[in-house]
């Protein structure tokens, strides 16, 4: 992996970079669609490329359970398995273990849990997480970590953070795929001193990139922003900075302001399947009766496939009829919006005009419909 900063904005910590992996180069800040089970729901890899996606996220937990990392490896690795020739980042499996599975116990060695699919028992450790991600063959792997819950006491957050640090060291020791980069994950809940302590310890171990984990897990927007503002600018400047599982358009804008380079979230694809569509001026809930005879596209001037061909009235009909085409068309639009948002921020940074662009972004959204994940 090669990462270089090519522009900085003088008004804040926003920066534009260029990240190169074995499967291509792309500019940052970047948004990564979530391909939970070797698929970004409802879209083909060719459609993702046409939209402008250069890197997607694969979920280690889901692929470990089904179809199995060993099977993916036998079939040529995740890129070949899903016919995706651009970059892939795989998460550690930690978030899904703590959010989806029935946890039997957390031990120093790792986590014993029951599958959310069939109740079968499994164990995942830093070593098995690394083995799985190496078998998948992603370009970027994440250290196995404990996703800190919210709310949580300071004492437990500290114990959890220290366990994550120990697991990170074991993850690095077990990692043996030279062409695959390895990122450490900064934990510590909403306690910024714990986050800084975790970061210092991870830097001592040394990783190719650094991520903030366990954000947008129930804390308030104010709490999340306080962590971003305090910790994101302190992540090593020469390495990619990644905030995991975040978020809304506003979250992305504030993350970029704080110096974040990489984001992922299910919001654009999940909201598409729930009929919530993104526009410059806020959200549209397409099932609302006000759109029954609306011949306009989702957003005037939008160049996505959906807006160039279909009306709000038609999209509402598809959604209410539960036609599968509704999910595809809605997803095409939402990801087009997200990629356009990231491109606009990259251009603003290159022009040293991010603060001006940010003020315009919020002016356009004064009448925004609140978005829900």
Protein backbone atom coordinates (compact mmCIF):
# COMPACT_ATOMS: atom_id res chain seq x y z
CA UNK A 1 0.00 0.00 0.00
CA UNK A 2 1.18 3.48 -0.85
CA UNK A 3 -0.54 6.56 0.62
CA UNK A 4 0.30 10.16 -0.15
CA UNK A 5 -1.28 13.49 0.80
CA UNK A 6 -1.72 15.66 -2.28
CA UNK A 7 -3.69 18.62 -0.87
CA UNK A 8 -4.61 20.16 2.49
CA UNK A 9 -7.23 22.74 3.32
CA UNK A 10 -5.96 25.67 5.36
CA UNK A 11 -9.25 26.19 7.25
CA UNK A 12 -9.36 22.80 9.01
CA UNK A 13 -7.84 19.31 9.04
CA UNK A 14 -9.41 18.24 5.73
CA UNK A 15 -6.97 16.61 3.35
CA UNK A 16 -6.98 14.96 -0.04
CA UNK A 17 -4.85 11.88 -0.62
CA UNK A 18 -4.04 9.13 -3.05
CA UNK A 19 -4.10 5.51 -1.84
CA UNK A 20 -2.72 2.69 -3.96
CA UNK A 21 -3.27 -1.02 -3.35
CA UNK A 22 -2.52 -4.10 -5.40
CA UNK A 23 -5.88 -3.61 -7.12
CA UNK A 24 -5.60 0.02 -8.12
CA UNK A 25 -5.34 3.58 -6.85
CA UNK A 26 -8.03 6.00 -5.75
CA UNK A 27 -8.36 9.44 -4.23
CA UNK A 28 -9.39 10.12 -0.66
CA UNK A 29 -11.53 11.04 1.18
CA UNK A 30 -13.42 8.00 -0.03
CA UNK A 31 -16.66 6.22 0.84
CA UNK A 32 -16.70 2.41 0.76
CA UNK A 33 -20.03 0.66 0.06
CA UNK A 34 -20.62 -2.34 2.30
CA UNK A 35 -20.57 -5.70 0.54
CA UNK A 36 -21.75 -7.75 3.48
CA UNK A 37 -21.74 -11.19 1.89
CA UNK A 38 -19.45 -10.62 -1.10
CA UNK A 39 -22.18 -8.46 -2.63
CA UNK A 40 -23.33 -4.86 -2.35
CA UNK A 41 -27.01 -5.60 -2.07
CA UNK A 42 -28.98 -5.39 -5.36
CA UNK A 43 -26.04 -4.19 -7.52
CA UNK A 44 -23.59 -5.98 -9.78
CA UNK A 45 -19.85 -5.27 -9.68
CA UNK A 46 -20.10 -3.63 -13.11
CA UNK A 47 -22.76 -1.26 -11.84
CA UNK A 48 -20.57 -0.35 -8.88
CA UNK A 49 -17.68 0.42 -11.22
CA UNK A 50 -19.94 2.55 -13.40
CA UNK A 51 -21.01 4.50 -10.31
CA UNK A 52 -17.36 5.21 -9.49
CA UNK A 53 -16.67 2.79 -6.64
CA UNK A 54 -12.97 2.00 -6.25
CA UNK A 55 -13.02 0.14 -2.94
CA UNK A 56 -15.72 -1.82 -1.11
CA UNK A 57 -15.93 -3.45 2.30
CA UNK A 58 -16.41 -7.15 2.93
CA UNK A 59 -17.65 -8.52 6.27
CA UNK A 60 -15.34 -11.15 7.74
CA UNK A 61 -17.95 -12.42 10.21
CA UNK A 62 -20.55 -13.14 7.51
CA UNK A 63 -18.06 -14.66 5.08
CA UNK A 64 -16.54 -16.79 7.84
CA UNK A 65 -19.96 -18.31 8.54
CA UNK A 66 -21.13 -18.51 4.92
CA UNK A 67 -19.71 -19.66 2.52
CA UNK A 68 -16.52 -20.00 4.60
CA UNK A 69 -13.15 -18.34 4.08
CA UNK A 70 -11.47 -21.61 3.09
CA UNK A 71 -13.99 -22.12 0.29
CA UNK A 72 -13.47 -18.56 -0.96
CA UNK A 73 -9.70 -19.16 -0.93
CA UNK A 74 -10.09 -22.39 -2.94
CA UNK A 75 -12.13 -20.46 -5.49
CA UNK A 76 -9.40 -17.89 -6.00
CA UNK A 77 -9.97 -15.35 -3.24
CA UNK A 78 -12.64 -12.75 -2.68
CA UNK A 79 -11.81 -10.61 -5.73
CA UNK A 80 -12.19 -13.52 -8.12
CA UNK A 81 -15.10 -15.04 -6.20
CA UNK A 82 -17.25 -11.92 -6.58
CA UNK A 83 -15.67 -10.71 -9.84
CA UNK A 84 -14.49 -7.42 -8.32
CA UNK A 85 -11.17 -6.25 -9.72
CA UNK A 86 -10.76 -3.14 -7.56
CA UNK A 87 -9.76 -2.79 -3.92
CA UNK A 88 -11.42 -4.54 -0.97
CA UNK A 89 -11.17 -3.83 2.75
CA UNK A 90 -12.33 -6.54 5.15
CA UNK A 91 -13.38 -5.75 8.71
CA UNK A 92 -12.16 -7.87 11.58
CA UNK A 93 -15.48 -9.53 12.43
CA UNK A 94 -15.48 -7.86 15.83
CA UNK A 95 -18.42 -5.52 15.27
CA UNK A 96 -20.71 -8.25 13.94
CA UNK A 97 -19.74 -10.64 16.75
CA UNK A 98 -20.79 -8.06 19.32
CA UNK A 99 -23.87 -6.78 17.45
CA UNK A 100 -25.39 -9.85 15.77
CA UNK A 101 -24.23 -13.01 17.49
CA UNK A 102 -25.21 -14.40 20.84
CA UNK A 103 -21.97 -14.05 22.77
CA UNK A 104 -21.22 -16.90 25.12
CA UNK A 105 -18.10 -15.38 26.62
CA UNK A 106 -15.30 -12.90 26.03
CA UNK A 107 -11.92 -14.28 27.03
CA UNK A 108 -8.36 -13.11 26.72
CA UNK A 109 -7.95 -15.56 23.87
CA UNK A 110 -10.95 -14.27 21.93
CA UNK A 111 -14.73 -14.57 21.73
CA UNK A 112 -16.95 -17.65 21.76
CA UNK A 113 -20.31 -17.01 20.12
CA UNK A 114 -23.34 -18.57 18.49
CA UNK A 115 -24.10 -17.85 14.85
CA UNK A 116 -27.11 -15.63 14.18
CA UNK A 117 -27.85 -17.91 11.20
CA UNK A 118 -28.23 -21.34 12.77
CA UNK A 119 -27.08 -21.08 16.37
CA UNK A 120 -23.89 -23.04 15.74
CA UNK A 121 -21.00 -22.31 18.12
CA UNK A 122 -17.80 -20.65 16.92
CA UNK A 123 -14.72 -19.02 18.34
CA UNK A 124 -12.91 -16.09 16.81
CA UNK A 125 -9.53 -14.88 17.98
CA UNK A 126 -7.02 -12.38 16.58
CA UNK A 127 -5.26 -15.30 14.92
CA UNK A 128 -8.40 -16.77 13.31
CA UNK A 129 -9.53 -13.32 12.17
CA UNK A 130 -6.18 -12.82 10.44
CA UNK A 131 -6.28 -16.30 8.93
CA UNK A 132 -9.76 -15.65 7.57
CA UNK A 133 -8.86 -12.26 6.11
CA UNK A 134 -5.69 -13.63 4.52
CA UNK A 135 -7.73 -16.43 2.95
CA UNK A 136 -10.19 -13.87 1.61
CA UNK A 137 -7.24 -11.97 0.15
CA UNK A 138 -8.50 -8.44 0.73
CA UNK A 139 -6.20 -5.49 0.07
CA UNK A 140 -6.70 -4.08 3.57
CA UNK A 141 -7.37 -6.16 6.70
CA UNK A 142 -8.44 -4.91 10.11
CA UNK A 143 -7.09 -6.06 13.46
CA UNK A 144 -9.49 -8.06 15.60
CA UNK A 145 -10.97 -5.75 18.23
CA UNK A 146 -13.67 -5.56 20.85
CA UNK A 147 -16.49 -3.26 19.82
CA UNK A 148 -17.10 -1.12 22.91
CA UNK A 149 -20.79 -0.92 23.75
CA UNK A 150 -22.71 2.24 24.60
CA UNK A 151 -23.39 3.15 27.31
CA UNK A 152 -20.41 1.71 29.12
CA UNK A 153 -18.56 2.52 32.31
CA UNK A 154 -15.13 4.11 32.17
CA UNK A 155 -13.64 1.08 33.89
CA UNK A 156 -15.03 -1.42 31.39
CA UNK A 157 -14.13 0.84 28.44
CA UNK A 158 -10.54 0.92 29.69
CA UNK A 159 -10.38 -2.86 30.16
CA UNK A 160 -11.91 -3.37 26.72
CA UNK A 161 -9.49 -0.91 25.13
CA UNK A 162 -6.48 -2.63 26.67
CA UNK A 163 -7.77 -6.00 25.46
CA UNK A 164 -8.11 -4.54 21.95
CA UNK A 165 -4.49 -3.34 22.14
CA UNK A 166 -3.30 -6.82 23.13
CA UNK A 167 -5.41 -8.35 20.36
CA UNK A 168 -3.92 -5.87 17.89
CA UNK A 169 -0.39 -7.00 18.75
CA UNK A 170 -1.44 -10.62 18.28
CA UNK A 171 -3.16 -9.73 14.99
CA UNK A 172 0.05 -8.18 13.68
CA UNK A 173 2.11 -11.18 14.81
CA UNK A 174 -0.28 -13.55 13.00
CA UNK A 175 -0.52 -11.47 9.84
CA UNK A 176 1.65 -12.91 7.07
CA UNK A 177 0.35 -11.67 3.71
CA UNK A 178 2.78 -9.00 2.46
CA UNK A 179 0.48 -7.57 -0.22
CA UNK A 180 -2.32 -7.10 2.34
CA UNK A 181 -2.13 -3.98 4.53
CA UNK A 182 -3.14 -4.15 8.19
CA UNK A 183 -4.96 -1.37 10.07
CA UNK A 184 -5.18 -0.96 13.83
CA UNK A 185 -8.46 0.10 15.47
CA UNK A 186 -8.60 2.78 18.16
CA UNK A 187 -11.13 1.95 20.89
CA UNK A 188 -12.10 3.62 24.18
CA UNK A 189 -15.76 4.50 23.83
CA UNK A 190 -16.64 8.18 24.26
CA UNK A 191 -13.68 8.72 26.60
CA UNK A 192 -11.11 10.71 24.66
CA UNK A 193 -8.29 10.03 27.10
CA UNK A 194 -8.78 6.29 26.59
CA UNK A 195 -8.83 6.80 22.83
CA UNK A 196 -5.52 8.69 22.99
CA UNK A 197 -4.00 6.03 25.21
CA UNK A 198 -5.12 3.33 22.77
CA UNK A 199 -3.72 5.27 19.81
CA UNK A 200 -0.34 5.72 21.48
CA UNK A 201 -0.10 2.00 22.19
CA UNK A 202 -1.13 1.05 18.64
CA UNK A 203 1.43 3.42 17.11
CA UNK A 204 4.11 1.75 19.21
CA UNK A 205 3.14 -1.57 17.61
CA UNK A 206 2.96 0.01 14.16
CA UNK A 207 0.28 -0.42 11.49
CA UNK A 208 -0.26 0.62 7.88
CA UNK A 209 -3.34 2.65 8.79
CA UNK A 210 -5.47 3.57 11.81
CA UNK A 211 -9.22 3.49 12.34
CA UNK A 212 -11.67 4.80 14.91
CA UNK A 213 -14.08 2.02 15.88
CA UNK A 214 -17.25 1.87 18.00
CA UNK A 215 -18.74 5.15 16.84
CA UNK A 216 -22.39 5.54 15.85
CA UNK A 217 -23.26 2.70 18.25
CA UNK A 218 -25.86 4.60 20.27
CA UNK A 219 -24.01 7.66 21.50
CA UNK A 220 -25.35 11.14 20.74
CA UNK A 221 -24.16 13.08 17.71
CA UNK A 222 -22.49 15.53 20.08
CA UNK A 223 -20.53 12.72 21.75
CA UNK A 224 -19.49 11.23 18.43
CA UNK A 225 -18.37 14.61 17.13
CA UNK A 226 -16.36 15.30 20.27
CA UNK A 227 -14.42 12.07 19.73
CA UNK A 228 -13.88 12.87 16.05
CA UNK A 229 -12.66 16.38 16.78
CA UNK A 230 -10.36 15.28 19.60
CA UNK A 231 -8.86 12.09 18.21
CA UNK A 232 -9.08 11.99 14.39
CA UNK A 233 -6.53 14.82 13.85
CA UNK A 234 -4.11 12.96 16.15
CA UNK A 235 -4.10 9.77 14.06
CA UNK A 236 -0.71 9.46 12.30
CA UNK A 237 -0.64 12.03 9.52
CA UNK A 238 1.35 9.84 7.11
CA UNK A 239 -1.15 6.95 7.31
CA UNK A 240 -4.73 6.57 6.07
CA UNK A 241 -7.31 7.54 8.70
CA UNK A 242 -10.53 5.54 8.74
CA UNK A 243 -13.77 5.97 10.70
CA UNK A 244 -15.74 2.72 10.73
CA UNK A 245 -19.51 2.49 10.26
CA UNK A 246 -20.16 6.23 9.86
CA UNK A 247 -22.59 7.47 8.48
CA UNK A 248 -24.95 10.24 7.44
CA UNK A 249 -23.93 12.89 4.90
CA UNK A 250 -23.33 15.27 7.82
CA UNK A 251 -21.15 12.65 9.54
CA UNK A 252 -19.00 12.37 6.42
CA UNK A 253 -18.62 16.13 6.11
CA UNK A 254 -17.60 16.52 9.76
CA UNK A 255 -15.29 13.52 9.54
CA UNK A 256 -13.50 15.02 6.54
CA UNK A 257 -13.24 18.34 8.39
CA UNK A 258 -11.45 16.45 11.18
CA UNK A 259 -8.99 14.85 8.76
CA UNK A 260 -10.58 11.45 8.07
CA UNK A 261 -9.73 9.75 4.76
CA UNK A 262 -11.96 6.65 4.64
CA UNK A 263 -15.56 5.86 5.57
CA UNK A 264 -18.00 2.97 5.28
CA UNK A 265 -21.65 2.61 6.25
CA UNK A 266 -24.72 0.59 5.30
CA UNK A 267 -26.83 3.75 5.33
CA UNK A 268 -27.06 4.50 1.58
CA UNK A 269 -27.87 0.90 0.65
CA UNK A 270 -30.06 0.03 3.65
CA UNK A 271 -32.00 3.28 3.41
CA UNK A 272 -32.52 2.62 -0.30
CA UNK A 273 -34.22 -0.66 0.54
CA UNK A 274 -36.37 1.20 3.11
CA UNK A 275 -37.44 3.83 0.60
CA UNK A 276 -35.35 6.71 1.99
CA UNK A 277 -33.53 8.57 -0.77
CA UNK A 278 -30.78 11.17 -0.42
CA UNK A 279 -30.78 14.56 -2.12
CA UNK A 280 -28.78 17.75 -1.78
CA UNK A 281 -31.63 19.27 0.22
CA UNK A 282 -32.30 16.31 2.48
CA UNK A 283 -34.18 13.04 2.50
CA UNK A 284 -37.16 11.84 0.48
CA UNK A 285 -39.33 9.03 1.86
CA UNK A 286 -40.59 7.72 -1.46
CA UNK A 287 -43.63 5.88 -0.02
CA UNK A 288 -45.29 9.18 0.99
CA UNK A 289 -48.57 9.80 -0.82
CA UNK A 290 -47.37 13.26 -1.95
CA UNK A 291 -45.26 11.50 -4.59
CA UNK A 292 -48.08 9.40 -6.09
CA UNK A 293 -48.43 11.66 -9.16
CA UNK A 294 -45.02 13.33 -9.03
CA UNK A 295 -43.40 13.18 -12.47
CA UNK A 296 -40.10 14.67 -11.30
CA UNK A 297 -36.98 12.56 -10.75
CA UNK A 298 -35.70 12.02 -7.22
CA UNK A 299 -33.47 15.06 -7.68
CA UNK A 300 -33.53 17.61 -10.47
CA UNK A 301 -30.19 17.70 -12.25
CA UNK A 302 -29.00 14.34 -10.88
CA UNK A 303 -27.21 12.35 -13.59
CA UNK A 304 -27.69 8.88 -12.07
CA UNK A 305 -29.42 6.16 -14.10
CA UNK A 306 -32.51 6.28 -11.88
CA UNK A 307 -33.04 10.03 -12.11
CA UNK A 308 -32.40 10.10 -15.87
CA UNK A 309 -35.18 7.61 -16.54
CA UNK A 310 -37.76 7.33 -13.78
CA UNK A 311 -40.20 9.52 -11.88
CA UNK A 312 -40.89 9.67 -8.18
CA UNK A 313 -44.36 8.35 -8.95
CA UNK A 314 -42.95 5.24 -10.61
CA UNK A 315 -40.41 4.65 -7.84
CA UNK A 316 -43.17 4.98 -5.24
CA UNK A 317 -45.26 2.43 -7.13
CA UNK A 318 -42.34 -0.04 -7.28
CA UNK A 319 -41.59 0.37 -3.58
CA UNK A 320 -45.20 -0.08 -2.45
CA UNK A 321 -45.56 -3.08 -4.75
CA UNK A 322 -42.37 -4.54 -3.26
CA UNK A 323 -40.86 -4.96 -6.70
CA UNK A 324 -37.20 -5.93 -6.56
CA UNK A 325 -36.41 -3.24 -9.12
CA UNK A 326 -37.23 -0.63 -6.46
CA UNK A 327 -34.28 -1.69 -4.33
CA UNK A 328 -31.88 -1.60 -7.27
CA UNK A 329 -32.98 1.79 -8.57
CA UNK A 330 -33.02 3.34 -5.11
CA UNK A 331 -29.56 1.94 -4.35
CA UNK A 332 -28.14 3.26 -7.62
CA UNK A 333 -29.32 6.75 -6.73
CA UNK A 334 -28.18 6.72 -3.10
CA UNK A 335 -24.67 5.50 -3.91
CA UNK A 336 -24.44 8.01 -6.76
CA UNK A 337 -25.28 10.71 -4.22
CA UNK A 338 -22.64 9.48 -1.75
CA UNK A 339 -19.91 9.24 -4.38
CA UNK A 340 -20.84 12.69 -5.63
CA UNK A 341 -20.64 14.06 -2.10
CA UNK A 342 -17.13 12.67 -1.65
CA UNK A 343 -16.04 14.00 -5.04
CA UNK A 344 -17.32 17.47 -4.14
CA UNK A 345 -15.33 17.43 -0.91
CA UNK A 346 -12.17 16.32 -2.70
CA UNK A 347 -12.56 19.18 -5.18
CA UNK A 348 -13.18 21.69 -2.38
CA UNK A 349 -10.03 20.56 -0.56
CA UNK A 350 -7.96 20.80 -3.74
CA UNK A 351 -9.24 24.36 -4.18
CA UNK A 352 -8.53 25.21 -0.52
CA UNK A 353 -12.24 26.07 -0.18
CA UNK A 354 -13.59 23.37 2.14
CA UNK A 355 -14.99 25.75 4.76
CA UNK A 356 -16.90 27.70 2.10
CA UNK A 357 -18.19 24.45 0.58
CA UNK A 358 -19.24 23.14 4.00
CA UNK A 359 -21.29 26.25 4.74
CA UNK A 360 -23.05 25.85 1.39
CA UNK A 361 -23.71 22.18 2.14
CA UNK A 362 -25.56 23.06 5.34
CA UNK A 363 -27.47 25.95 3.76
CA UNK A 364 -28.88 23.56 1.19
CA UNK A 365 -30.08 21.22 3.94
CA UNK A 366 -31.88 23.70 6.17
CA UNK A 367 -35.20 21.92 5.55
CA UNK A 368 -33.73 18.45 5.78
CA UNK A 369 -35.79 15.39 6.64
CA UNK A 370 -33.89 13.56 9.42
CA UNK A 371 -32.17 10.38 8.21
CA UNK A 372 -32.30 7.16 10.21
CA UNK A 373 -29.84 4.30 9.79
